[in-house]
């Protein structure tokens, strides 16, 4: 796995993962990865995470940043301080305040994610029954409406797991090419990267995020990409990254990027 990068890694701070920053980085070092980005979930607006199961607490941002930087200073590989931030338009002011706190703490690389449609965390296994209350294509259209706004917003360096909406296997029996083209155009318009995530291989859908057709749309639109595991435990770090690299190559990509913040990217040949 030498030369590969894992640009999406969580720790126990988020409430639904296991392992410390040091343990995650040690796992990456043991695999011989070239670089990793620690991307803990930023706090959510009030009321969306009452049990503390989705993200780190608001009082942990600075401590998290210091922990990553301390581990990075002693690591044999490149370790990037980053975070994952939710796109929730109905709570835009609160989300902006959270992003600002992250920047103040020295976090200058942000992964953008859409996990919520209104108050529904549609990828939460405990809430999967709510899919039965919704028409699948409608959910997909709503999801990608929000995803495109997030991608074009300029707030994020990378858009995480682009087609997360398929996690539990709910995929509409419809031609999705227009949706995929719109997503590609939204990402291209702002220059945001997308990640090719192996996390989907561990979920019921059993495939990469994004799938083959969506990845091809991104490649054809010239959208840059990175690779990630979205690991939530040390043994998931670097998970099947070779398959992400193969999919990128098949789609036409010839390099993978590591976001460094401020629009700077370090490139690696595939």
Protein backbone atom coordinates (compact mmCIF):
# COMPACT_ATOMS: atom_id res chain seq x y z
CA UNK A 1 0.00 0.00 0.00
CA UNK A 2 3.01 2.26 -0.20
CA UNK A 3 2.37 5.60 -1.89
CA UNK A 4 -1.34 5.53 -1.03
CA UNK A 5 -3.16 8.13 1.02
CA UNK A 6 -6.14 7.90 3.35
CA UNK A 7 -7.88 11.24 3.55
CA UNK A 8 -10.79 10.45 5.90
CA UNK A 9 -10.14 9.07 9.39
CA UNK A 10 -12.16 9.37 12.62
CA UNK A 11 -11.35 8.69 16.26
CA UNK A 12 -13.28 7.87 19.42
CA UNK A 13 -13.96 11.58 19.90
CA UNK A 14 -16.93 11.42 17.54
CA UNK A 15 -18.85 9.00 19.74
CA UNK A 16 -19.25 6.27 17.14
CA UNK A 17 -15.65 5.24 16.49
CA UNK A 18 -12.80 3.53 18.33
CA UNK A 19 -9.15 4.48 18.68
CA UNK A 20 -7.10 7.58 19.37
CA UNK A 21 -5.29 9.79 16.88
CA UNK A 22 -2.03 8.06 17.79
CA UNK A 23 -3.55 4.62 17.19
CA UNK A 24 -4.99 5.62 13.82
CA UNK A 25 -1.69 7.10 12.67
CA UNK A 26 0.22 4.07 13.93
CA UNK A 27 -2.06 1.85 11.83
CA UNK A 28 -1.33 3.98 8.76
CA UNK A 29 2.40 3.84 9.44
CA UNK A 30 2.30 0.06 9.73
CA UNK A 31 0.69 -0.12 6.30
CA UNK A 32 3.28 2.16 4.78
CA UNK A 33 0.77 4.77 3.66
CA UNK A 34 2.29 7.97 2.32
CA UNK A 35 -0.10 10.30 4.11
CA UNK A 36 -3.31 10.51 6.11
CA UNK A 37 -5.79 13.18 7.07
CA UNK A 38 -7.48 13.07 10.47
CA UNK A 39 -11.01 14.31 9.84
CA UNK A 40 -13.02 14.24 13.04
CA UNK A 41 -16.68 15.26 12.81
CA UNK A 42 -17.15 18.88 13.81
CA UNK A 43 -19.91 19.55 16.36
CA UNK A 44 -23.47 19.71 15.04
CA UNK A 45 -25.97 22.49 15.61
CA UNK A 46 -27.90 22.30 18.85
CA UNK A 47 -30.49 19.53 19.10
CA UNK A 48 -29.16 17.36 16.26
CA UNK A 49 -26.82 15.24 18.39
CA UNK A 50 -28.38 15.08 21.86
CA UNK A 51 -26.68 11.80 22.77
CA UNK A 52 -23.24 12.82 21.48
CA UNK A 53 -23.17 9.95 19.00
CA UNK A 54 -22.48 11.83 15.77
CA UNK A 55 -19.65 14.28 16.45
CA UNK A 56 -17.15 15.61 18.94
CA UNK A 57 -18.31 18.17 21.46
CA UNK A 58 -17.93 21.90 20.92
CA UNK A 59 -15.39 22.09 23.72
CA UNK A 60 -13.15 19.47 22.07
CA UNK A 61 -12.18 21.27 18.86
CA UNK A 62 -9.02 22.88 20.20
CA UNK A 63 -7.96 19.77 22.09
CA UNK A 64 -8.49 17.65 18.99
CA UNK A 65 -6.38 20.00 16.87
CA UNK A 66 -3.54 19.98 19.40
CA UNK A 67 -3.64 16.18 19.62
CA UNK A 68 -3.35 15.76 15.84
CA UNK A 69 -0.50 18.25 15.57
CA UNK A 70 1.42 16.56 18.39
CA UNK A 71 1.10 13.14 16.76
CA UNK A 72 1.97 14.60 13.35
CA UNK A 73 5.19 16.06 14.70
CA UNK A 74 6.45 12.60 15.65
CA UNK A 75 5.06 10.61 12.73
CA UNK A 76 7.10 9.04 9.97
CA UNK A 77 4.36 9.89 7.43
CA UNK A 78 2.50 13.07 6.52
CA UNK A 79 -0.42 13.68 8.88
CA UNK A 80 -2.90 16.41 7.94
CA UNK A 81 -5.11 18.15 10.49
CA UNK A 82 -8.60 18.27 9.01
CA UNK A 83 -12.26 17.84 9.96
CA UNK A 84 -15.57 16.74 8.49
CA UNK A 85 -18.31 19.36 8.49
CA UNK A 86 -22.01 18.87 7.82
CA UNK A 87 -24.01 20.87 5.30
CA UNK A 88 -27.32 21.81 6.92
CA UNK A 89 -28.83 24.84 5.15
CA UNK A 90 -31.65 25.22 7.66
CA UNK A 91 -28.99 25.79 10.34
CA UNK A 92 -26.57 27.76 8.15
CA UNK A 93 -25.57 30.37 10.74
CA UNK A 94 -24.73 27.72 13.34
CA UNK A 95 -22.78 25.67 10.81
CA UNK A 96 -20.79 28.73 9.80
CA UNK A 97 -19.98 29.49 13.44
CA UNK A 98 -18.76 25.90 13.90
CA UNK A 99 -16.57 26.12 10.81
CA UNK A 100 -15.14 29.41 12.07
CA UNK A 101 -14.25 27.81 15.41
CA UNK A 102 -12.45 25.07 13.51
CA UNK A 103 -10.46 27.60 11.50
CA UNK A 104 -9.54 29.45 14.67
CA UNK A 105 -8.20 26.18 16.08
CA UNK A 106 -5.95 25.75 13.05
CA UNK A 107 -8.12 23.35 11.06
CA UNK A 108 -7.87 24.54 7.47
CA UNK A 109 -8.92 21.41 5.56
CA UNK A 110 -12.60 20.56 5.62
CA UNK A 111 -14.49 17.61 4.20
CA UNK A 112 -18.08 18.49 3.36
CA UNK A 113 -20.86 16.00 4.01
CA UNK A 114 -24.61 15.71 3.68
CA UNK A 115 -25.90 13.42 6.44
CA UNK A 116 -29.19 15.17 7.19
CA UNK A 117 -32.34 15.83 5.21
CA UNK A 118 -34.20 18.17 7.53
CA UNK A 119 -33.83 16.42 10.91
CA UNK A 120 -33.42 12.91 9.42
CA UNK A 121 -29.93 11.43 9.62
CA UNK A 122 -30.71 9.13 6.72
CA UNK A 123 -27.50 7.09 7.07
CA UNK A 124 -28.06 6.27 10.76
CA UNK A 125 -28.80 2.52 11.11
CA UNK A 126 -31.17 3.23 13.98
CA UNK A 127 -33.28 5.43 11.68
CA UNK A 128 -33.27 3.22 8.59
CA UNK A 129 -36.99 2.46 9.02
CA UNK A 130 -37.76 6.02 7.91
CA UNK A 131 -36.77 5.02 4.40
CA UNK A 132 -40.06 3.10 4.29
CA UNK A 133 -41.88 6.39 4.71
CA UNK A 134 -40.22 8.00 1.68
CA UNK A 135 -40.10 7.45 -2.06
CA UNK A 136 -36.52 6.51 -2.93
CA UNK A 137 -36.09 8.70 -6.00
CA UNK A 138 -37.45 11.68 -4.08
CA UNK A 139 -34.88 11.15 -1.34
CA UNK A 140 -32.11 10.91 -3.91
CA UNK A 141 -33.24 14.11 -5.60
CA UNK A 142 -33.36 15.95 -2.27
CA UNK A 143 -29.99 14.58 -1.27
CA UNK A 144 -28.28 15.64 -4.48
CA UNK A 145 -29.96 19.05 -4.38
CA UNK A 146 -28.24 19.63 -1.05
CA UNK A 147 -25.02 17.94 -2.16
CA UNK A 148 -24.72 20.20 -5.19
CA UNK A 149 -25.25 23.31 -3.07
CA UNK A 150 -22.59 22.12 -0.64
CA UNK A 151 -20.14 21.28 -3.43
CA UNK A 152 -20.58 24.67 -5.08
CA UNK A 153 -20.48 26.62 -1.81
CA UNK A 154 -16.71 27.05 -1.64
CA UNK A 155 -16.69 26.09 2.05
CA UNK A 156 -15.09 22.68 1.59
CA UNK A 157 -11.85 21.25 0.24
CA UNK A 158 -13.25 17.76 -0.39
CA UNK A 159 -16.78 16.39 -0.69
CA UNK A 160 -16.97 13.15 1.27
CA UNK A 161 -18.73 9.93 0.17
CA UNK A 162 -20.60 11.64 -2.70
CA UNK A 163 -23.44 9.12 -3.03
CA UNK A 164 -23.81 8.26 0.66
CA UNK A 165 -27.57 8.20 0.11
CA UNK A 166 -27.22 4.65 -1.29
CA UNK A 167 -25.68 3.29 1.94
CA UNK A 168 -28.46 0.86 2.84
CA UNK A 169 -29.09 -0.23 -0.75
CA UNK A 170 -31.93 2.17 -1.53
CA UNK A 171 -31.25 2.96 -5.19
CA UNK A 172 -34.01 4.21 -7.49
CA UNK A 173 -34.99 2.30 -10.61
CA UNK A 174 -34.45 5.34 -12.78
CA UNK A 175 -31.91 6.89 -15.11
CA UNK A 176 -29.59 8.79 -12.76
CA UNK A 177 -27.35 10.31 -15.42
CA UNK A 178 -28.86 13.79 -15.08
CA UNK A 179 -28.38 13.74 -11.30
CA UNK A 180 -24.79 12.58 -11.71
CA UNK A 181 -24.04 15.21 -14.35
CA UNK A 182 -25.45 17.93 -12.12
CA UNK A 183 -23.27 16.75 -9.24
CA UNK A 184 -20.18 16.75 -11.44
CA UNK A 185 -20.91 20.25 -12.71
CA UNK A 186 -21.45 21.55 -9.17
CA UNK A 187 -18.10 20.17 -8.01
CA UNK A 188 -16.29 21.42 -11.11
CA UNK A 189 -17.74 24.90 -10.69
CA UNK A 190 -15.98 25.44 -7.37
CA UNK A 191 -12.90 23.27 -7.87
CA UNK A 192 -13.74 21.14 -4.85
CA UNK A 193 -12.26 17.65 -4.73
CA UNK A 194 -14.28 14.49 -4.25
CA UNK A 195 -13.17 11.44 -2.34
CA UNK A 196 -13.26 7.89 -3.62
CA UNK A 197 -14.20 6.14 -0.41
CA UNK A 198 -13.95 2.45 0.36
CA UNK A 199 -16.39 2.84 3.27
CA UNK A 200 -19.25 1.73 1.05
CA UNK A 201 -17.58 -1.65 0.67
CA UNK A 202 -18.23 -2.18 4.39
CA UNK A 203 -21.90 -1.15 4.16
CA UNK A 204 -25.02 -2.92 2.83
CA UNK A 205 -24.60 -1.30 -0.61
CA UNK A 206 -21.24 -3.10 -0.97
CA UNK A 207 -19.62 -0.70 -3.40
CA UNK A 208 -17.39 2.36 -3.48
CA UNK A 209 -18.62 5.89 -2.89
CA UNK A 210 -19.03 7.10 -5.61
CA UNK A 211 -20.22 4.27 -7.83
CA UNK A 212 -18.83 3.68 -11.30
CA UNK A 213 -21.15 5.98 -13.25
CA UNK A 214 -20.90 8.90 -10.84
CA UNK A 215 -17.12 8.58 -10.65
CA UNK A 216 -16.97 8.64 -14.44
CA UNK A 217 -19.06 11.82 -14.48
CA UNK A 218 -16.65 13.46 -12.03
CA UNK A 219 -13.65 12.37 -14.08
CA UNK A 220 -15.16 13.62 -17.33
CA UNK A 221 -15.85 16.99 -15.70
CA UNK A 222 -12.25 17.29 -14.52
CA UNK A 223 -13.11 17.09 -10.82
CA UNK A 224 -9.97 16.23 -8.80
CA UNK A 225 -10.13 13.30 -6.40
CA UNK A 226 -8.57 11.83 -3.31
CA UNK A 227 -8.86 8.38 -1.70
CA UNK A 228 -10.16 7.44 1.72
CA UNK A 229 -11.38 4.70 4.01
CA UNK A 230 -13.64 6.78 6.29
CA UNK A 231 -12.18 4.57 9.01
CA UNK A 232 -13.74 4.49 12.46
CA UNK A 233 -11.27 2.03 14.00
CA UNK A 234 -7.54 1.38 13.55
CA UNK A 235 -8.14 -1.84 11.62
CA UNK A 236 -10.17 0.09 9.02
CA UNK A 237 -7.36 2.55 8.18
CA UNK A 238 -6.29 2.03 4.58
CA UNK A 239 -9.18 -0.35 4.00
CA UNK A 240 -9.06 -1.71 0.42
CA UNK A 241 -7.57 1.52 -0.92
CA UNK A 242 -6.13 -0.42 -3.84
CA UNK A 243 -9.70 -0.85 -5.09
CA UNK A 244 -10.31 2.88 -4.93
CA UNK A 245 -7.13 3.51 -6.90
CA UNK A 246 -8.14 0.91 -9.50
CA UNK A 247 -11.59 2.48 -9.90
CA UNK A 248 -10.06 5.92 -10.32
CA UNK A 249 -7.68 4.63 -12.98
CA UNK A 250 -10.53 2.93 -14.82
CA UNK A 251 -12.49 6.21 -14.76
CA UNK A 252 -9.58 8.08 -16.31
CA UNK A 253 -7.81 9.56 -13.30
CA UNK A 254 -4.02 9.51 -13.33
CA UNK A 255 -3.26 11.25 -10.05
CA UNK A 256 -4.70 11.50 -6.56
CA UNK A 257 -4.57 14.57 -4.35
CA UNK A 258 -3.87 15.27 -0.68
CA UNK A 259 -5.49 18.58 0.38
CA UNK A 260 -3.19 20.74 2.46
CA UNK A 261 -5.48 23.74 3.01
CA UNK A 262 -5.75 27.11 1.33
CA UNK A 263 -6.35 25.46 -2.01
CA UNK A 264 -2.95 23.74 -1.93
CA UNK A 265 -2.86 20.08 -2.96
CA UNK A 266 -0.04 17.56 -3.00
CA UNK A 267 -0.37 15.22 -5.95
CA UNK A 268 0.57 11.57 -6.21
CA UNK A 269 0.67 9.56 -9.42
CA UNK A 270 -1.70 6.59 -9.56
